[in-house]
Amino acid sequence: MTKPLNHTPFRMTICTGCKIRGGFCSAGYEMLKRLQAGISAAGTSLGPEFEISGQVTLSGCPETCTAAYYGSQAGCYLFGDVAEGQDIAELLAYAKTDGSEHLAHEPACVVALEPVSGSLH
């Protein structure tokens, strides 16, 4: 069995309840986990400048939900119920200020997985 090239553990650092669903966004979290797993499995074959972002329609929501995502070796982020074409840089800044930076259309939820520094013992 081949081991992943990158063994960096990730942990959830931000998880806001979805304003539409009224709780945890399991569809968004599962999508984000898969994105993070793919980036981790690629390991050093991805350069430090690697980034991926886009929008996706999440299933399992009571309403149609467009989510924006961003992934890099520094972390993976998901923003639920965003406006089509919303700027990912604005959303990342919003997440990194714990929502204190206001946006014209704030996401219904924010989930972040970031690398753990040091040991998980």
N, C-alpha and C. Protein backbone atom coordinates (compact mmCIF):
# COMPACT_ATOMS: atom_id res chain seq x y z
N MET A 1 0.85 -1.18 0.00
CA MET A 1 0.00 0.00 0.00
C MET A 1 0.89 1.24 0.00
N THR A 2 0.61 2.17 -0.88
CA THR A 2 1.39 3.40 -0.98
C THR A 2 0.93 4.40 0.07
N LYS A 3 1.89 5.00 0.75
CA LYS A 3 1.57 6.02 1.75
C LYS A 3 1.46 7.38 1.08
N PRO A 4 0.57 8.25 1.56
CA PRO A 4 0.53 9.60 1.03
C PRO A 4 1.88 10.29 1.26
N LEU A 5 2.23 11.19 0.37
CA LEU A 5 3.50 11.90 0.49
C LEU A 5 3.49 12.91 1.62
N ASN A 6 2.34 13.38 1.99
CA ASN A 6 2.23 14.44 2.99
C ASN A 6 1.42 13.91 4.16
N HIS A 7 2.00 13.87 5.34
CA HIS A 7 1.29 13.35 6.51
C HIS A 7 0.83 14.46 7.44
N THR A 8 0.74 15.67 6.95
CA THR A 8 0.33 16.80 7.78
C THR A 8 -1.12 16.62 8.21
N PRO A 9 -1.38 16.55 9.51
CA PRO A 9 -2.77 16.45 9.96
C PRO A 9 -3.47 17.80 9.85
N PHE A 10 -4.75 17.76 9.56
CA PHE A 10 -5.57 18.96 9.49
C PHE A 10 -6.63 18.88 10.58
N ARG A 11 -7.11 20.02 11.00
CA ARG A 11 -8.21 20.06 11.96
C ARG A 11 -9.18 21.16 11.55
N MET A 12 -10.41 21.03 12.01
CA MET A 12 -11.41 22.04 11.74
C MET A 12 -11.13 23.23 12.66
N THR A 13 -10.92 24.39 12.07
CA THR A 13 -10.62 25.59 12.87
C THR A 13 -11.76 26.59 12.88
N ILE A 14 -12.66 26.48 11.91
CA ILE A 14 -13.84 27.34 11.86
C ILE A 14 -15.02 26.47 11.45
N CYS A 15 -16.13 26.60 12.13
CA CYS A 15 -17.35 25.91 11.73
C CYS A 15 -18.54 26.69 12.26
N THR A 16 -19.16 27.46 11.39
CA THR A 16 -20.36 28.19 11.80
C THR A 16 -21.58 27.41 11.35
N GLY A 17 -22.64 27.46 12.12
CA GLY A 17 -23.87 26.81 11.73
C GLY A 17 -24.48 27.50 10.52
N CYS A 18 -25.10 26.72 9.65
CA CYS A 18 -25.71 27.27 8.44
C CYS A 18 -26.98 28.03 8.80
N LYS A 19 -27.08 29.25 8.34
CA LYS A 19 -28.24 30.09 8.62
C LYS A 19 -29.49 29.59 7.91
N ILE A 20 -29.31 28.86 6.80
CA ILE A 20 -30.45 28.34 6.05
C ILE A 20 -30.92 27.02 6.65
N ARG A 21 -29.98 26.13 6.87
CA ARG A 21 -30.28 24.79 7.38
C ARG A 21 -30.56 24.81 8.88
N GLY A 22 -29.99 25.78 9.56
CA GLY A 22 -30.17 25.85 11.00
C GLY A 22 -29.26 24.90 11.76
N GLY A 23 -28.13 24.56 11.19
CA GLY A 23 -27.19 23.66 11.85
C GLY A 23 -25.97 23.40 10.99
N PHE A 24 -25.31 22.31 11.29
CA PHE A 24 -24.08 21.92 10.61
C PHE A 24 -24.32 21.58 9.14
N CYS A 25 -23.44 22.04 8.25
CA CYS A 25 -23.55 21.76 6.81
C CYS A 25 -22.75 20.50 6.49
N SER A 26 -23.39 19.34 6.60
CA SER A 26 -22.67 18.08 6.38
C SER A 26 -22.22 17.92 4.93
N ALA A 27 -23.02 18.36 3.96
CA ALA A 27 -22.63 18.25 2.55
C ALA A 27 -21.39 19.09 2.27
N GLY A 28 -21.34 20.28 2.81
CA GLY A 28 -20.18 21.14 2.64
C GLY A 28 -18.94 20.58 3.31
N TYR A 29 -19.11 20.04 4.51
CA TYR A 29 -17.98 19.46 5.23
C TYR A 29 -17.41 18.26 4.49
N GLU A 30 -18.27 17.39 3.98
CA GLU A 30 -17.80 16.21 3.24
C GLU A 30 -17.03 16.63 1.99
N MET A 31 -17.53 17.63 1.29
CA MET A 31 -16.83 18.12 0.09
C MET A 31 -15.46 18.68 0.46
N LEU A 32 -15.42 19.44 1.55
CA LEU A 32 -14.17 20.06 2.00
C LEU A 32 -13.16 19.00 2.45
N LYS A 33 -13.64 17.96 3.15
CA LYS A 33 -12.76 16.86 3.57
C LYS A 33 -12.10 16.18 2.38
N ARG A 34 -12.87 15.97 1.32
CA ARG A 34 -12.33 15.33 0.11
C ARG A 34 -11.30 16.22 -0.58
N LEU A 35 -11.57 17.52 -0.62
CA LEU A 35 -10.62 18.46 -1.21
C LEU A 35 -9.31 18.43 -0.42
N GLN A 36 -9.41 18.50 0.90
CA GLN A 36 -8.22 18.48 1.75
C GLN A 36 -7.47 17.16 1.61
N ALA A 37 -8.19 16.04 1.53
CA ALA A 37 -7.54 14.73 1.38
C ALA A 37 -6.78 14.65 0.07
N GLY A 38 -7.35 15.19 -1.00
CA GLY A 38 -6.67 15.19 -2.30
C GLY A 38 -5.41 16.03 -2.28
N ILE A 39 -5.48 17.18 -1.65
CA ILE A 39 -4.30 18.04 -1.54
C ILE A 39 -3.23 17.37 -0.69
N SER A 40 -3.62 16.75 0.41
CA SER A 40 -2.66 16.05 1.27
C SER A 40 -2.04 14.87 0.55
N ALA A 41 -2.85 14.11 -0.19
CA ALA A 41 -2.33 12.94 -0.91
C ALA A 41 -1.33 13.34 -1.99
N ALA A 42 -1.52 14.49 -2.59
CA ALA A 42 -0.60 14.95 -3.63
C ALA A 42 0.75 15.36 -3.04
N GLY A 43 0.74 15.75 -1.78
CA GLY A 43 1.98 16.06 -1.07
C GLY A 43 2.87 17.05 -1.78
N THR A 44 4.15 16.69 -1.91
CA THR A 44 5.14 17.61 -2.47
C THR A 44 5.04 17.74 -3.98
N SER A 45 4.19 16.95 -4.63
CA SER A 45 4.03 17.12 -6.08
C SER A 45 3.32 18.44 -6.39
N LEU A 46 2.64 19.00 -5.40
CA LEU A 46 2.05 20.34 -5.54
C LEU A 46 3.04 21.34 -4.98
N GLY A 47 3.29 22.37 -5.71
CA GLY A 47 4.19 23.41 -5.22
C GLY A 47 3.53 24.22 -4.11
N PRO A 48 4.31 24.98 -3.36
CA PRO A 48 3.75 25.77 -2.27
C PRO A 48 2.78 26.85 -2.74
N GLU A 49 2.85 27.20 -4.02
CA GLU A 49 1.95 28.23 -4.56
C GLU A 49 0.64 27.65 -5.10
N PHE A 50 0.46 26.33 -5.02
CA PHE A 50 -0.76 25.70 -5.54
C PHE A 50 -1.99 26.22 -4.81
N GLU A 51 -3.02 26.58 -5.58
CA GLU A 51 -4.32 26.99 -5.06
C GLU A 51 -5.40 26.50 -6.01
N ILE A 52 -6.54 26.16 -5.46
CA ILE A 52 -7.70 25.80 -6.28
C ILE A 52 -8.91 26.46 -5.64
N SER A 53 -9.80 26.98 -6.46
CA SER A 53 -11.02 27.59 -5.93
C SER A 53 -12.11 27.48 -6.99
N GLY A 54 -13.33 27.63 -6.54
CA GLY A 54 -14.46 27.58 -7.46
C GLY A 54 -15.77 27.62 -6.71
N GLN A 55 -16.84 27.33 -7.43
CA GLN A 55 -18.16 27.27 -6.83
C GLN A 55 -18.81 25.95 -7.20
N VAL A 56 -19.68 25.48 -6.33
CA VAL A 56 -20.36 24.21 -6.52
C VAL A 56 -21.76 24.33 -5.93
N THR A 57 -22.70 23.58 -6.48
CA THR A 57 -24.04 23.52 -5.90
C THR A 57 -24.09 22.32 -4.98
N LEU A 58 -24.40 22.55 -3.71
CA LEU A 58 -24.46 21.48 -2.72
C LEU A 58 -25.84 20.84 -2.73
N SER A 59 -25.87 19.52 -2.65
CA SER A 59 -27.14 18.81 -2.54
C SER A 59 -27.42 18.55 -1.06
N GLY A 60 -28.63 18.21 -0.76
CA GLY A 60 -28.99 17.92 0.61
C GLY A 60 -29.42 19.14 1.41
N CYS A 61 -29.59 20.27 0.74
CA CYS A 61 -30.03 21.49 1.42
C CYS A 61 -31.51 21.72 1.10
N PRO A 62 -32.25 22.36 2.01
CA PRO A 62 -33.66 22.63 1.73
C PRO A 62 -33.85 23.60 0.56
N GLU A 63 -32.84 24.41 0.28
CA GLU A 63 -32.87 25.35 -0.85
C GLU A 63 -31.64 25.09 -1.70
N THR A 64 -31.66 25.54 -2.94
CA THR A 64 -30.46 25.45 -3.77
C THR A 64 -29.38 26.28 -3.10
N CYS A 65 -28.21 25.68 -2.91
CA CYS A 65 -27.13 26.34 -2.19
C CYS A 65 -25.87 26.34 -3.03
N THR A 66 -25.43 27.53 -3.42
CA THR A 66 -24.16 27.67 -4.12
C THR A 66 -23.09 27.92 -3.06
N ALA A 67 -22.08 27.09 -3.07
CA ALA A 67 -20.98 27.24 -2.12
C ALA A 67 -19.70 27.57 -2.88
N ALA A 68 -18.86 28.37 -2.27
CA ALA A 68 -17.54 28.67 -2.81
C ALA A 68 -16.53 27.88 -2.00
N TYR A 69 -15.47 27.42 -2.66
CA TYR A 69 -14.43 26.69 -1.95
C TYR A 69 -13.06 27.20 -2.37
N TYR A 70 -12.11 26.98 -1.48
CA TYR A 70 -10.72 27.36 -1.73
C TYR A 70 -9.86 26.30 -1.06
N GLY A 71 -8.83 25.86 -1.75
CA GLY A 71 -7.92 24.89 -1.16
C GLY A 71 -6.47 25.18 -1.51
N SER A 72 -5.60 24.97 -0.54
CA SER A 72 -4.16 25.07 -0.73
C SER A 72 -3.53 24.21 0.37
N GLN A 73 -2.21 24.11 0.36
CA GLN A 73 -1.57 23.36 1.43
C GLN A 73 -1.66 24.08 2.76
N ALA A 74 -2.02 25.35 2.74
CA ALA A 74 -2.18 26.13 3.97
C ALA A 74 -3.57 26.00 4.58
N GLY A 75 -4.52 25.39 3.87
CA GLY A 75 -5.85 25.22 4.41
C GLY A 75 -6.91 25.13 3.33
N CYS A 76 -8.08 24.63 3.73
CA CYS A 76 -9.22 24.49 2.83
C CYS A 76 -10.42 25.17 3.48
N TYR A 77 -11.18 25.91 2.69
CA TYR A 77 -12.29 26.71 3.19
C TYR A 77 -13.53 26.48 2.33
N LEU A 78 -14.69 26.50 2.97
CA LEU A 78 -15.96 26.40 2.27
C LEU A 78 -16.87 27.51 2.80
N PHE A 79 -17.57 28.16 1.89
CA PHE A 79 -18.48 29.24 2.23
C PHE A 79 -19.84 28.91 1.62
N GLY A 80 -20.85 28.70 2.46
CA GLY A 80 -22.16 28.30 1.99
C GLY A 80 -23.05 29.46 1.61
N ASP A 81 -23.88 29.23 0.59
CA ASP A 81 -24.88 30.19 0.11
C ASP A 81 -24.25 31.54 -0.24
N VAL A 82 -23.35 31.50 -1.21
CA VAL A 82 -22.69 32.73 -1.67
C VAL A 82 -23.32 33.21 -2.97
N ALA A 83 -23.11 34.47 -3.28
CA ALA A 83 -23.58 35.02 -4.55
C ALA A 83 -22.72 34.45 -5.68
N GLU A 84 -23.33 34.20 -6.81
CA GLU A 84 -22.58 33.68 -7.95
C GLU A 84 -21.46 34.64 -8.31
N GLY A 85 -20.26 34.11 -8.45
CA GLY A 85 -19.10 34.92 -8.81
C GLY A 85 -18.51 35.74 -7.67
N GLN A 86 -18.97 35.49 -6.43
CA GLN A 86 -18.43 36.25 -5.30
C GLN A 86 -16.92 36.04 -5.20
N ASP A 87 -16.19 37.10 -4.91
CA ASP A 87 -14.73 37.09 -4.88
C ASP A 87 -14.21 36.23 -3.73
N ILE A 88 -13.41 35.19 -4.07
CA ILE A 88 -12.88 34.28 -3.06
C ILE A 88 -11.93 35.00 -2.10
N ALA A 89 -11.19 35.99 -2.57
CA ALA A 89 -10.28 36.74 -1.69
C ALA A 89 -11.06 37.46 -0.59
N GLU A 90 -12.21 38.02 -0.94
CA GLU A 90 -13.06 38.69 0.06
C GLU A 90 -13.57 37.68 1.09
N LEU A 91 -13.96 36.50 0.61
CA LEU A 91 -14.47 35.46 1.51
C LEU A 91 -13.37 34.97 2.45
N LEU A 92 -12.16 34.78 1.93
CA LEU A 92 -11.05 34.35 2.78
C LEU A 92 -10.73 35.40 3.84
N ALA A 93 -10.74 36.66 3.45
CA ALA A 93 -10.50 37.74 4.42
C ALA A 93 -11.59 37.73 5.49
N TYR A 94 -12.83 37.50 5.09
CA TYR A 94 -13.96 37.42 6.02
C TYR A 94 -13.72 36.30 7.04
N ALA A 95 -13.30 35.12 6.56
CA ALA A 95 -13.06 33.98 7.45
C ALA A 95 -11.92 34.26 8.41
N LYS A 96 -10.89 34.90 7.93
CA LYS A 96 -9.70 35.13 8.77
C LYS A 96 -9.90 36.25 9.79
N THR A 97 -10.99 37.01 9.66
CA THR A 97 -11.31 38.03 10.67
C THR A 97 -12.48 37.56 11.54
N ASP A 98 -12.77 36.26 11.51
CA ASP A 98 -13.86 35.68 12.29
C ASP A 98 -15.20 36.36 12.02
N GLY A 99 -15.40 36.80 10.79
CA GLY A 99 -16.66 37.41 10.41
C GLY A 99 -16.83 38.85 10.82
N SER A 100 -15.78 39.45 11.39
CA SER A 100 -15.92 40.85 11.80
C SER A 100 -15.84 41.80 10.61
N GLU A 101 -15.28 41.32 9.50
CA GLU A 101 -15.27 42.12 8.26
C GLU A 101 -16.60 41.86 7.56
N HIS A 102 -17.35 42.89 7.27
CA HIS A 102 -18.68 42.71 6.69
C HIS A 102 -18.61 42.67 5.17
N LEU A 103 -19.46 41.82 4.60
CA LEU A 103 -19.57 41.67 3.16
C LEU A 103 -20.97 42.09 2.73
N ALA A 104 -21.12 42.46 1.48
CA ALA A 104 -22.45 42.79 0.95
C ALA A 104 -23.38 41.59 1.07
N HIS A 105 -22.86 40.40 0.79
CA HIS A 105 -23.63 39.16 0.94
C HIS A 105 -22.79 38.20 1.77
N GLU A 106 -23.10 38.10 3.05
CA GLU A 106 -22.32 37.23 3.93
C GLU A 106 -22.72 35.78 3.72
N PRO A 107 -21.76 34.85 3.78
CA PRO A 107 -22.07 33.44 3.58
C PRO A 107 -22.96 32.91 4.71
N ALA A 108 -23.78 31.91 4.37
CA ALA A 108 -24.66 31.30 5.36
C ALA A 108 -23.86 30.48 6.36
N CYS A 109 -22.72 29.93 5.93
CA CYS A 109 -21.86 29.18 6.83
C CYS A 109 -20.42 29.25 6.34
N VAL A 110 -19.50 29.01 7.26
CA VAL A 110 -18.07 28.98 6.94
C VAL A 110 -17.48 27.76 7.64
N VAL A 111 -16.73 26.95 6.88
CA VAL A 111 -16.02 25.80 7.44
C VAL A 111 -14.58 25.89 6.97
N ALA A 112 -13.62 25.67 7.88
CA ALA A 112 -12.21 25.71 7.51
C ALA A 112 -11.48 24.52 8.11
N LEU A 113 -10.61 23.92 7.30
CA LEU A 113 -9.69 22.87 7.74
C LEU A 113 -8.29 23.41 7.53
N GLU A 114 -7.50 23.46 8.58
CA GLU A 114 -6.16 24.02 8.48
C GLU A 114 -5.16 23.04 9.09
N PRO A 115 -3.90 23.09 8.61
CA PRO A 115 -2.89 22.17 9.13
C PRO A 115 -2.64 22.39 10.62
N VAL A 116 -2.40 21.29 11.30
CA VAL A 116 -2.06 21.34 12.71
C VAL A 116 -0.56 21.52 12.81
N SER A 117 -0.13 22.51 13.56
CA SER A 117 1.32 22.67 13.75
C SER A 117 1.71 21.86 14.97
N GLY A 118 2.73 21.06 14.83
CA GLY A 118 3.18 20.21 15.92
C GLY A 118 2.45 18.88 15.93
N SER A 119 2.54 18.18 17.02
CA SER A 119 2.00 16.83 17.16
C SER A 119 0.56 16.86 17.65
N LEU A 120 -0.18 15.82 17.30
CA LEU A 120 -1.56 15.69 17.78
C LEU A 120 -1.66 14.85 19.05
N HIS A 121 -0.56 14.52 19.68
CA HIS A 121 -0.57 13.65 20.87
C HIS A 121 -1.29 14.29 22.01
